[in-house]
C-alpha cells in the first residue's frame, strides 16, 4: 500500500513537470489566477507611470482620464495576448512553457523622456518606437543565443541596477503625492507619506512573516491595505467608475504612429536587454520547474513571442511586453510546469482588459498608495542587479568598466543640462541613464584586453 502511494505521488510529480499536462479545472483555474495576482500590479504600473510622465490628469474631471483608463486596459489585454503567444504557440513562435508576459519596467527609463510633459501628442512617437522595437525584438529570436557572450554578469548586473536606480526617483515622487503635485503645498504632506508607509510596512510584514500566497502576493495585499486607509481618509474618488463602460475593444493606432530616431534607437537597444532577460527567465523556468536546461527552440520561440507581443501591443496603444521574473519564482515554488495553467491566467487578463470598469477601478488607487508599492518594486529591481553583480570577479579591469559605465550613465541622468548643446535625440538617449551605462559596459567589456584582469 505504501509503495503504491509513493508510486502515485511520483507519477503526479512527473505530470506536474510536463508543460503539456493540464491539471483538473478546479486546480488549474486557481493556479492560473495565482499567476495573475503575482504580476498584476507590476503589469499595470508602467502604464500609469508613462501616463503620469506625459501629463495625463489623474483626476476624474481631467480630459485625459479616459486615456489613462485605456492604457491600463491595454496593459491587461496585451499581457494576456502575449502570454497566449508563449503558452499556445504558433509555428516557431512561443516557448510553449508557462511563461507569463507583462508590461516591462525595463523600458521606462527610455519611455519617460520620450513623452515627458508632452501629453497625447507624444504617444504616437512612443508607439512608433514600440512597434519597430517589437519587430526588431522578434528577429532577435533567430540568433539570440549568439549574443549571450557579450553580456556577462558584470554587464547584465549593471544594466538591471541602472534600471532600478533610474526609477527610484519616480517611486519617491509618487509616494509624496505624484508628479502633478510637485511644487504645491500638498506635495510631500503627511497624508501622502502616511498611506505610502502603510503599503511598505504591510508588504514587508507579509513578505517576511507570512507564507504561501500571503507572501507571494505581499505587494498586492500591501496596496490593498494602503487603499483601505486612503479610502478612510477620503483620498479615493469613484467619480469616473460609474461612467466607464462595461465592454470596449482596442483601437488600432489610437495615438497615431510616428517614427523618430530617439524612439526607435532606444526601443531597439532595450529589446536586446529584454531578450536577454527572457533567456534568463526561460532557463529559470526549465531549471526550477523541470530540473533541466532550456532548449534552443524554447529560447528562440520565447524571444519571437516577446517581440510579437510588443509589436502587436504597440499597434493598439499598448506598451512593450516581456517575460515576468516573479512568475518564474512562483513556478519554482509550486513545481507546476503546466503551460495550460498559465493559459487560464492569460484568458483572465484578456477579459479584464476588455472591461473599462476594471481599468477605472484601478485608476482610483491614489498615487501615494501606488508610490509605496513601486518604492518596494523598484528597490527590488536594484537589489536584483546587485545580486547579479555578486557573481563578478572584482579585479581591476572589471572595476574600471563598472566605474566608468556607472559614473557616466548616472551622472548624465542627474545633470541633463550638461548635454544642452546636443541634438534633442541625443539628449533623450543619453540622459536616460540606462542606455549610456549599458553601451559603455558592453563595449568596454568587449574591447578591453583580458590581460588587464590582474
Protein backbone atom coordinates (compact mmCIF):
# COMPACT_ATOMS: atom_id res chain seq x y z
CA UNK A 1 0.00 0.00 0.00
CA UNK A 2 2.81 2.35 0.91
CA UNK A 3 4.68 1.56 -2.32
CA UNK A 4 1.54 2.24 -4.34
CA UNK A 5 1.04 5.61 -2.63
CA UNK A 6 4.67 6.54 -3.26
CA UNK A 7 4.39 5.49 -6.91
CA UNK A 8 1.25 7.59 -7.34
CA UNK A 9 2.96 10.59 -5.75
CA UNK A 10 5.98 10.23 -8.04
CA UNK A 11 3.73 9.89 -11.08
CA UNK A 12 1.87 13.10 -10.09
CA UNK A 13 5.15 14.99 -9.69
CA UNK A 14 6.25 13.81 -13.12
CA UNK A 15 2.98 15.01 -14.66
CA UNK A 16 3.25 18.42 -12.98
CA UNK A 17 6.73 18.85 -14.52
CA UNK A 18 5.32 18.24 -18.01
CA UNK A 19 4.46 21.56 -19.79
CA UNK A 20 1.72 19.78 -21.77
CA UNK A 21 -0.05 18.39 -18.70
CA UNK A 22 -3.35 20.05 -17.76
CA UNK A 23 -4.42 19.71 -14.11
CA UNK A 24 -8.14 19.32 -13.35
CA UNK A 25 -10.09 22.54 -13.93
CA UNK A 26 -10.71 23.04 -10.21
CA UNK A 27 -6.93 23.22 -9.71
CA UNK A 28 -5.87 24.82 -12.99
CA UNK A 29 -8.05 27.94 -12.72
CA UNK A 30 -6.95 28.96 -9.19
CA UNK A 31 -3.32 28.25 -10.10
CA UNK A 32 -3.71 30.45 -13.19
CA UNK A 33 -5.27 33.30 -11.21
CA UNK A 34 -2.44 32.97 -8.69
CA UNK A 35 0.00 33.76 -11.51
CA UNK A 36 -2.07 36.85 -12.38
CA UNK A 37 -2.06 38.03 -8.75
CA UNK A 38 1.71 37.70 -8.60
CA UNK A 39 2.20 40.06 -11.57
CA UNK A 40 -0.95 42.19 -11.70
CA UNK A 41 0.27 45.40 -10.06
CA UNK A 42 3.67 45.24 -11.77
CA UNK A 43 1.85 44.87 -15.08
CA UNK A 44 -0.38 47.97 -14.88
CA UNK A 45 2.09 50.25 -13.06
CA UNK A 46 4.24 51.15 -16.12
CA UNK A 47 1.13 52.43 -17.95
CA UNK A 48 0.27 54.67 -15.00
CA UNK A 49 3.85 55.95 -14.81
CA UNK A 50 4.06 56.71 -18.53
CA UNK A 51 0.67 58.43 -18.43
CA UNK A 52 1.82 60.50 -15.46
CA UNK A 53 5.09 61.42 -17.19
CA UNK A 54 3.17 62.51 -20.30
CA UNK A 55 1.00 64.74 -18.14
CA UNK A 56 -2.29 62.84 -18.28
CA UNK A 57 -4.56 64.03 -15.49
CA UNK A 58 -5.27 61.53 -12.72
CA UNK A 59 -8.46 63.20 -11.56
CA UNK A 60 -11.83 62.01 -12.82
CA UNK A 61 -12.53 65.50 -14.20
CA UNK A 62 -9.40 65.53 -16.35
CA UNK A 63 -9.99 65.32 -20.13
CA UNK A 64 -7.11 62.81 -20.31
CA UNK A 65 -8.62 60.48 -17.73
CA UNK A 66 -10.21 58.14 -20.34
CA UNK A 67 -6.79 57.83 -21.97
CA UNK A 68 -5.31 56.67 -18.66
CA UNK A 69 -8.04 54.04 -18.34
CA UNK A 70 -7.37 52.93 -21.93
CA UNK A 71 -3.65 52.48 -21.20
CA UNK A 72 -4.44 50.37 -18.14
CA UNK A 73 -6.83 48.26 -20.23
CA UNK A 74 -4.21 47.67 -22.91
CA UNK A 75 -1.69 46.60 -20.26
CA UNK A 76 -4.02 43.83 -19.13
CA UNK A 77 -5.30 42.86 -22.57
CA UNK A 78 -1.94 42.54 -24.31
CA UNK A 79 -0.23 40.93 -21.35
CA UNK A 80 -2.85 38.22 -21.75
CA UNK A 81 -2.49 38.01 -25.54
CA UNK A 82 1.32 37.94 -25.36
CA UNK A 83 1.10 35.22 -22.72
CA UNK A 84 -1.06 33.15 -25.08
CA UNK A 85 1.63 33.58 -27.75
CA UNK A 86 4.02 31.94 -25.27
CA UNK A 87 1.83 29.15 -23.91
CA UNK A 88 -0.11 28.14 -27.01
CA UNK A 89 2.48 28.96 -29.68
CA UNK A 90 2.18 29.02 -33.45
CA UNK A 91 4.90 27.52 -35.61
CA UNK A 92 8.27 28.75 -34.31
CA UNK A 93 6.60 31.41 -32.15
CA UNK A 94 6.27 30.73 -28.42
CA UNK A 95 8.31 28.85 -25.86
CA UNK A 96 5.32 26.58 -25.13
CA UNK A 97 6.22 26.90 -21.48
CA UNK A 98 4.40 28.53 -18.52
CA UNK A 99 5.84 31.97 -19.36
CA UNK A 100 3.82 34.94 -18.10
CA UNK A 101 4.18 38.12 -20.16
CA UNK A 102 3.59 41.60 -18.82
CA UNK A 103 4.33 45.28 -19.39
CA UNK A 104 8.03 45.83 -18.89
CA UNK A 105 9.58 48.15 -16.28
CA UNK A 106 12.90 47.94 -18.14
CA UNK A 107 11.71 50.25 -20.93
CA UNK A 108 10.58 53.04 -18.56
CA UNK A 109 13.92 54.92 -18.46
CA UNK A 110 13.64 55.24 -22.26
CA UNK A 111 9.88 55.85 -22.46
CA UNK A 112 9.66 58.56 -19.79
CA UNK A 113 11.98 61.07 -21.56
CA UNK A 114 10.18 60.43 -24.86
CA UNK A 115 6.79 61.56 -23.50
CA UNK A 116 7.74 63.87 -20.61
CA UNK A 117 5.19 66.66 -20.31
CA UNK A 118 4.02 66.35 -23.92
CA UNK A 119 0.62 64.76 -23.37
CA UNK A 120 -1.17 62.71 -26.01
CA UNK A 121 0.89 64.36 -28.75
CA UNK A 122 3.96 62.29 -27.79
CA UNK A 123 2.19 58.95 -27.64
CA UNK A 124 2.26 58.39 -31.41
CA UNK A 125 6.05 58.77 -31.36
CA UNK A 126 6.29 56.33 -28.47
CA UNK A 127 4.11 53.78 -30.23
CA UNK A 128 6.20 54.03 -33.39
CA UNK A 129 9.22 53.06 -31.31
CA UNK A 130 7.30 50.26 -29.58
CA UNK A 131 6.16 48.67 -32.85
CA UNK A 132 9.55 48.87 -34.59
CA UNK A 133 11.34 47.79 -31.42
CA UNK A 134 8.98 44.81 -31.20
CA UNK A 135 9.71 43.80 -34.78
CA UNK A 136 13.45 44.08 -34.09
CA UNK A 137 12.95 42.05 -30.91
CA UNK A 138 11.13 39.38 -32.93
CA UNK A 139 14.08 38.94 -35.32
CA UNK A 140 16.47 38.65 -32.38
CA UNK A 141 14.94 35.21 -31.90
CA UNK A 142 16.89 33.95 -34.91
CA UNK A 143 20.28 34.50 -33.25
CA UNK A 144 19.67 35.35 -29.58
CA UNK A 145 21.94 32.56 -28.36
CA UNK A 146 24.94 34.13 -30.06
CA UNK A 147 24.54 37.40 -28.12
CA UNK A 148 25.00 35.89 -24.69
CA UNK A 149 28.80 36.05 -24.83
CA UNK A 150 28.62 39.88 -24.81
CA UNK A 151 26.51 40.02 -21.66
CA UNK A 152 28.33 38.50 -18.68
CA UNK A 153 27.07 39.19 -15.11
CA UNK A 154 29.14 42.40 -14.99
CA UNK A 155 27.11 43.87 -17.86
CA UNK A 156 23.68 42.41 -17.08
CA UNK A 157 24.00 43.21 -13.37
CA UNK A 158 24.91 46.83 -14.11
CA UNK A 159 22.00 47.15 -16.56
CA UNK A 160 19.48 45.83 -14.04
CA UNK A 161 20.96 48.04 -11.30
CA UNK A 162 20.66 51.11 -13.55
CA UNK A 163 17.01 50.28 -14.33
CA UNK A 164 16.27 50.28 -10.60
CA UNK A 165 18.26 53.48 -9.92
CA UNK A 166 16.59 55.29 -12.84
CA UNK A 167 13.13 54.52 -11.45
CA UNK A 168 13.60 55.08 -7.70
CA UNK A 169 13.04 58.84 -8.12
CA UNK A 170 9.61 58.09 -9.63
CA UNK A 171 8.70 55.97 -6.60
CA UNK A 172 9.57 58.80 -4.19
CA UNK A 173 7.63 61.35 -6.25
CA UNK A 174 4.56 59.13 -6.24
CA UNK A 175 4.78 58.44 -2.51
CA UNK A 176 4.96 62.20 -1.88
CA UNK A 177 1.79 62.80 -3.86
CA UNK A 178 2.68 62.43 -7.52
CA UNK A 179 4.36 64.38 -10.29
CA UNK A 180 1.33 66.67 -10.89
CA UNK A 181 1.62 67.97 -7.30
CA UNK A 182 5.33 68.90 -7.37
CA UNK A 183 5.74 72.49 -6.23
CA UNK A 184 2.43 72.62 -4.35
CA UNK A 185 1.93 72.72 -0.60
CA UNK A 186 0.18 69.32 -0.66
CA UNK A 187 3.27 67.63 -2.16
CA UNK A 188 5.14 65.65 0.49
CA UNK A 189 2.34 66.04 3.02
CA UNK A 190 1.86 63.66 5.94
CA UNK A 191 -1.28 62.16 4.40
CA UNK A 192 0.52 61.05 1.25
CA UNK A 193 3.54 59.68 3.07
CA UNK A 194 1.29 58.02 5.67
CA UNK A 195 -0.56 55.81 3.18
CA UNK A 196 2.68 55.08 1.30
CA UNK A 197 4.29 53.88 4.53
CA UNK A 198 1.26 51.66 5.26
CA UNK A 199 1.83 49.94 1.92
CA UNK A 200 5.56 49.47 2.61
CA UNK A 201 5.11 48.18 6.18
CA UNK A 202 2.30 45.73 5.31
CA UNK A 203 4.26 44.48 2.30
CA UNK A 204 7.37 43.81 4.38
CA UNK A 205 5.43 42.12 7.18
CA UNK A 206 3.66 39.76 4.79
CA UNK A 207 6.78 39.08 2.71
CA UNK A 208 8.91 38.02 5.68
CA UNK A 209 6.43 36.76 8.28
CA UNK A 210 3.71 35.11 6.17
CA UNK A 211 3.81 32.03 3.96
CA UNK A 212 2.30 30.72 0.76
CA UNK A 213 0.12 33.06 -1.27
CA UNK A 214 0.14 35.67 1.51
CA UNK A 215 3.86 36.07 0.97
CA UNK A 216 3.78 35.77 -2.83
CA UNK A 217 1.09 38.47 -3.15
CA UNK A 218 2.65 40.72 -0.47
CA UNK A 219 2.89 43.81 -2.71
CA UNK A 220 -0.70 43.41 -3.93
CA UNK A 221 -2.00 42.96 -0.38
CA UNK A 222 0.10 45.90 0.82
CA UNK A 223 -1.50 48.07 -1.85
CA UNK A 224 -4.95 46.88 -0.78
CA UNK A 225 -4.14 47.85 2.83
CA UNK A 226 -2.94 51.28 1.73
CA UNK A 227 -6.03 51.69 -0.44
CA UNK A 228 -8.32 50.94 2.51
CA UNK A 229 -6.52 53.55 4.65
CA UNK A 230 -6.71 56.09 1.80
CA UNK A 231 -10.43 55.34 1.45
CA UNK A 232 -10.94 56.04 5.16
CA UNK A 233 -9.06 59.34 4.74
CA UNK A 234 -11.25 60.41 1.83
CA UNK A 235 -8.46 60.18 -0.76
CA UNK A 236 -10.32 57.84 -3.14
CA UNK A 237 -12.57 59.24 -5.87
CA UNK A 238 -15.04 56.86 -7.53
CA UNK A 239 -16.49 59.58 -9.76
CA UNK A 240 -15.41 58.05 -13.04
CA UNK A 241 -16.16 54.39 -12.32
CA UNK A 242 -19.87 54.78 -12.93
CA UNK A 243 -19.22 56.50 -16.25
CA UNK A 244 -16.90 53.77 -17.56
CA UNK A 245 -18.40 51.25 -19.96
CA UNK A 246 -18.64 47.52 -19.44
CA UNK A 247 -17.05 46.43 -22.69
CA UNK A 248 -14.66 48.18 -25.05
CA UNK A 249 -12.41 46.90 -27.83
CA UNK A 250 -8.90 48.20 -28.57
CA UNK A 251 -8.47 50.85 -31.24
CA UNK A 252 -5.72 50.43 -33.87
CA UNK A 253 -3.29 53.36 -33.86
CA UNK A 254 -5.19 55.00 -31.02
CA UNK A 255 -2.42 57.57 -30.54
CA UNK A 256 -1.26 57.77 -34.15
CA UNK A 257 2.05 56.45 -35.43
CA UNK A 258 5.23 58.50 -35.80
CA UNK A 259 8.83 57.41 -36.25
CA UNK A 260 11.71 59.27 -34.63
CA UNK A 261 15.33 58.24 -34.23
CA UNK A 262 15.30 58.56 -30.43
CA UNK A 263 12.27 56.29 -30.02
CA UNK A 264 13.47 53.66 -32.49
CA UNK A 265 17.09 53.54 -31.25
CA UNK A 266 16.03 53.47 -27.62
CA UNK A 267 13.43 50.74 -28.09
CA UNK A 268 15.69 48.57 -30.25
CA UNK A 269 18.51 48.80 -27.73
CA UNK A 270 16.15 47.88 -24.90
CA UNK A 271 14.80 45.00 -26.99
CA UNK A 272 18.23 43.39 -26.76
CA UNK A 273 18.19 43.77 -22.97
CA UNK A 274 14.65 42.40 -22.76
CA UNK A 275 15.58 39.43 -24.96
CA UNK A 276 18.46 38.53 -22.68
CA UNK A 277 16.13 38.82 -19.68
CA UNK A 278 13.76 36.38 -21.39
CA UNK A 279 16.61 33.92 -21.95
CA UNK A 280 17.27 34.01 -18.22
CA UNK A 281 13.60 33.58 -17.36
CA UNK A 282 13.17 30.61 -19.72
CA UNK A 283 16.25 28.98 -18.23
CA UNK A 284 14.93 29.64 -14.74
CA UNK A 285 11.58 28.04 -15.59
CA UNK A 286 13.06 24.85 -17.03
CA UNK A 287 15.63 24.51 -14.23
CA UNK A 288 13.27 25.36 -11.37
CA UNK A 289 10.20 23.56 -12.69
CA UNK A 290 11.60 20.62 -14.64
CA UNK A 291 15.22 20.30 -13.50
CA UNK A 292 16.68 20.65 -17.00
CA UNK A 293 18.29 23.20 -19.30
CA UNK A 294 16.17 25.16 -21.76
CA UNK A 295 16.41 24.06 -25.38
CA UNK A 296 17.44 26.42 -28.20
CA UNK A 297 13.95 26.01 -29.67
CA UNK A 298 12.32 27.13 -26.41
CA UNK A 299 14.62 30.15 -26.10
CA UNK A 300 14.17 31.31 -29.69
CA UNK A 301 10.40 30.66 -29.57
CA UNK A 302 10.06 32.68 -26.36
CA UNK A 303 12.02 35.55 -27.94
CA UNK A 304 9.81 35.50 -31.05
CA UNK A 305 6.72 35.71 -28.82
CA UNK A 306 8.27 38.55 -26.79
CA UNK A 307 8.78 40.65 -29.90
CA UNK A 308 5.44 39.80 -31.49
CA UNK A 309 3.59 40.65 -28.27
CA UNK A 310 5.32 44.03 -28.08
CA UNK A 311 4.70 44.91 -31.74
CA UNK A 312 1.00 44.00 -31.61
CA UNK A 313 0.54 45.88 -28.34
CA UNK A 314 2.11 48.99 -29.88
CA UNK A 315 -0.33 48.94 -32.79
CA UNK A 316 -3.22 49.23 -30.33
CA UNK A 317 -1.61 51.74 -27.97
CA UNK A 318 -0.03 49.29 -25.52
CA UNK A 319 3.46 49.27 -24.05
CA UNK A 320 6.35 46.78 -24.53
CA UNK A 321 5.92 43.29 -23.11
CA UNK A 322 8.47 40.93 -21.62
CA UNK A 323 8.54 37.74 -19.55
CA UNK A 324 7.88 38.32 -15.84
CA UNK A 325 10.58 37.07 -13.50
CA UNK A 326 8.36 36.96 -10.38
CA UNK A 327 6.31 34.23 -12.03
CA UNK A 328 9.47 32.20 -12.61
CA UNK A 329 9.92 32.08 -8.85
CA UNK A 330 6.30 31.03 -8.44
CA UNK A 331 6.85 28.05 -10.76
CA UNK A 332 9.94 27.02 -8.82
CA UNK A 333 7.95 27.17 -5.59
CA UNK A 334 4.86 25.28 -6.76
CA UNK A 335 6.61 22.85 -9.12
CA UNK A 336 3.71 23.19 -11.59
CA UNK A 337 5.13 23.42 -15.13
CA UNK A 338 1.82 23.20 -16.97
CA UNK A 339 1.63 25.88 -19.65
CA UNK A 340 -2.14 25.43 -19.72
CA UNK A 341 -2.38 26.71 -16.15
CA UNK A 342 -0.83 29.98 -17.34
CA UNK A 343 -3.20 29.96 -20.32
CA UNK A 344 -6.14 30.24 -17.91
CA UNK A 345 -4.41 33.21 -16.29
CA UNK A 346 -3.94 34.79 -19.73
CA UNK A 347 -7.65 34.41 -20.52
CA UNK A 348 -8.47 36.12 -17.21
CA UNK A 349 -6.19 39.05 -18.13
CA UNK A 350 -7.78 39.37 -21.58
CA UNK A 351 -11.28 39.50 -20.06
CA UNK A 352 -10.12 42.21 -17.63
CA UNK A 353 -8.57 44.17 -20.49
CA UNK A 354 -11.87 44.31 -22.37
CA UNK A 355 -13.80 45.77 -19.41
CA UNK A 356 -13.15 49.53 -18.92
CA UNK A 357 -14.75 49.47 -15.47
CA UNK A 358 -11.83 47.39 -14.20
CA UNK A 359 -9.40 49.98 -15.55
CA UNK A 360 -11.49 52.73 -13.95
CA UNK A 361 -11.39 50.96 -10.57
CA UNK A 362 -7.61 50.55 -10.79
CA UNK A 363 -7.29 54.25 -11.63
CA UNK A 364 -8.97 55.16 -8.32
CA UNK A 365 -5.88 53.98 -6.46
CA UNK A 366 -4.31 57.20 -5.06
CA UNK A 367 -0.88 57.92 -6.48
CA UNK A 368 0.66 57.87 -2.99
CA UNK A 369 -0.60 54.32 -2.45
CA UNK A 370 0.98 53.27 -5.73
CA UNK A 371 4.15 55.09 -4.65
CA UNK A 372 4.53 52.85 -1.61
CA UNK A 373 4.30 49.80 -3.86
CA UNK A 374 6.73 50.98 -6.50
CA UNK A 375 9.31 52.03 -3.92
CA UNK A 376 9.44 48.37 -2.93
CA UNK A 377 9.34 47.09 -6.52
CA UNK A 378 11.97 49.46 -7.91
CA UNK A 379 14.21 48.86 -4.91
CA UNK A 380 13.93 45.13 -5.58
CA UNK A 381 14.98 45.72 -9.20
CA UNK A 382 18.13 47.47 -7.99
CA UNK A 383 18.71 44.69 -5.43
CA UNK A 384 18.43 42.07 -8.18
CA UNK A 385 21.14 43.90 -10.10
CA UNK A 386 23.43 43.91 -7.07
CA UNK A 387 22.76 40.20 -6.59
CA UNK A 388 23.82 39.55 -10.19
CA UNK A 389 26.96 41.61 -9.65
CA UNK A 390 27.89 39.38 -6.72
CA UNK A 391 28.98 36.76 -9.27
CA UNK A 392 31.55 39.14 -10.77
CA UNK A 393 35.28 38.70 -10.18
CA UNK A 394 36.09 42.22 -8.97
CA UNK A 395 39.54 42.58 -10.49
CA UNK A 396 40.91 45.93 -11.70
CA UNK A 397 39.59 45.51 -15.23
CA UNK A 398 36.02 44.85 -14.13
CA UNK A 399 36.13 47.62 -11.53
CA UNK A 400 37.18 50.15 -14.19
CA UNK A 401 34.40 49.01 -16.56
CA UNK A 402 31.81 49.29 -13.79
CA UNK A 403 33.13 52.64 -12.53
CA UNK A 404 33.15 54.38 -15.92
CA UNK A 405 29.79 52.96 -17.03
CA UNK A 406 28.04 53.83 -13.76
CA UNK A 407 29.58 57.30 -13.45
CA UNK A 408 28.75 58.40 -16.99
CA UNK A 409 25.24 56.93 -17.07
CA UNK A 410 24.14 58.06 -13.62
CA UNK A 411 25.91 61.40 -13.94
CA UNK A 412 24.20 62.33 -17.20
CA UNK A 413 20.85 61.35 -15.77
CA UNK A 414 21.38 63.53 -12.68
CA UNK A 415 22.68 66.51 -14.67
CA UNK A 416 20.91 66.52 -18.06
CA UNK A 417 21.84 70.17 -18.60
CA UNK A 418 25.40 69.06 -19.32
CA UNK A 419 24.17 67.94 -22.75
CA UNK A 420 22.10 71.01 -23.62
CA UNK A 421 24.10 71.70 -26.80
CA UNK A 422 23.49 68.25 -28.29
CA UNK A 423 20.59 67.47 -30.66
CA UNK A 424 17.31 66.59 -28.95
CA UNK A 425 17.52 62.93 -29.97
CA UNK A 426 20.96 62.53 -28.40
CA UNK A 427 19.78 64.28 -25.22
CA UNK A 428 16.84 61.89 -24.81
CA UNK A 429 19.00 58.79 -25.30
CA UNK A 430 21.97 59.90 -23.20
CA UNK A 431 20.04 61.31 -20.24
CA UNK A 432 18.08 58.08 -19.79
CA UNK A 433 20.99 56.86 -17.66
CA UNK A 434 20.44 53.28 -18.69
CA UNK A 435 21.47 53.46 -22.36
CA UNK A 436 24.89 55.11 -21.93
CA UNK A 437 25.72 52.81 -19.00
CA UNK A 438 24.73 49.69 -20.92
CA UNK A 439 26.50 50.79 -24.10
CA UNK A 440 29.75 51.61 -22.30
CA UNK A 441 29.70 48.40 -20.27
CA UNK A 442 29.14 46.23 -23.35
CA UNK A 443 31.77 47.98 -25.49
CA UNK A 444 34.42 48.18 -22.76
CA UNK A 445 33.90 44.53 -21.85
CA UNK A 446 34.43 43.55 -25.49
CA UNK A 447 37.44 45.77 -26.27
CA UNK A 448 39.50 45.87 -23.08
CA UNK A 449 42.06 43.05 -23.13
CA UNK A 450 41.64 40.23 -20.65
CA UNK A 451 45.30 40.67 -19.70
CA UNK A 452 44.22 43.67 -17.63
CA UNK A 453 42.24 41.47 -15.27
CA UNK A 454 45.10 41.15 -12.81
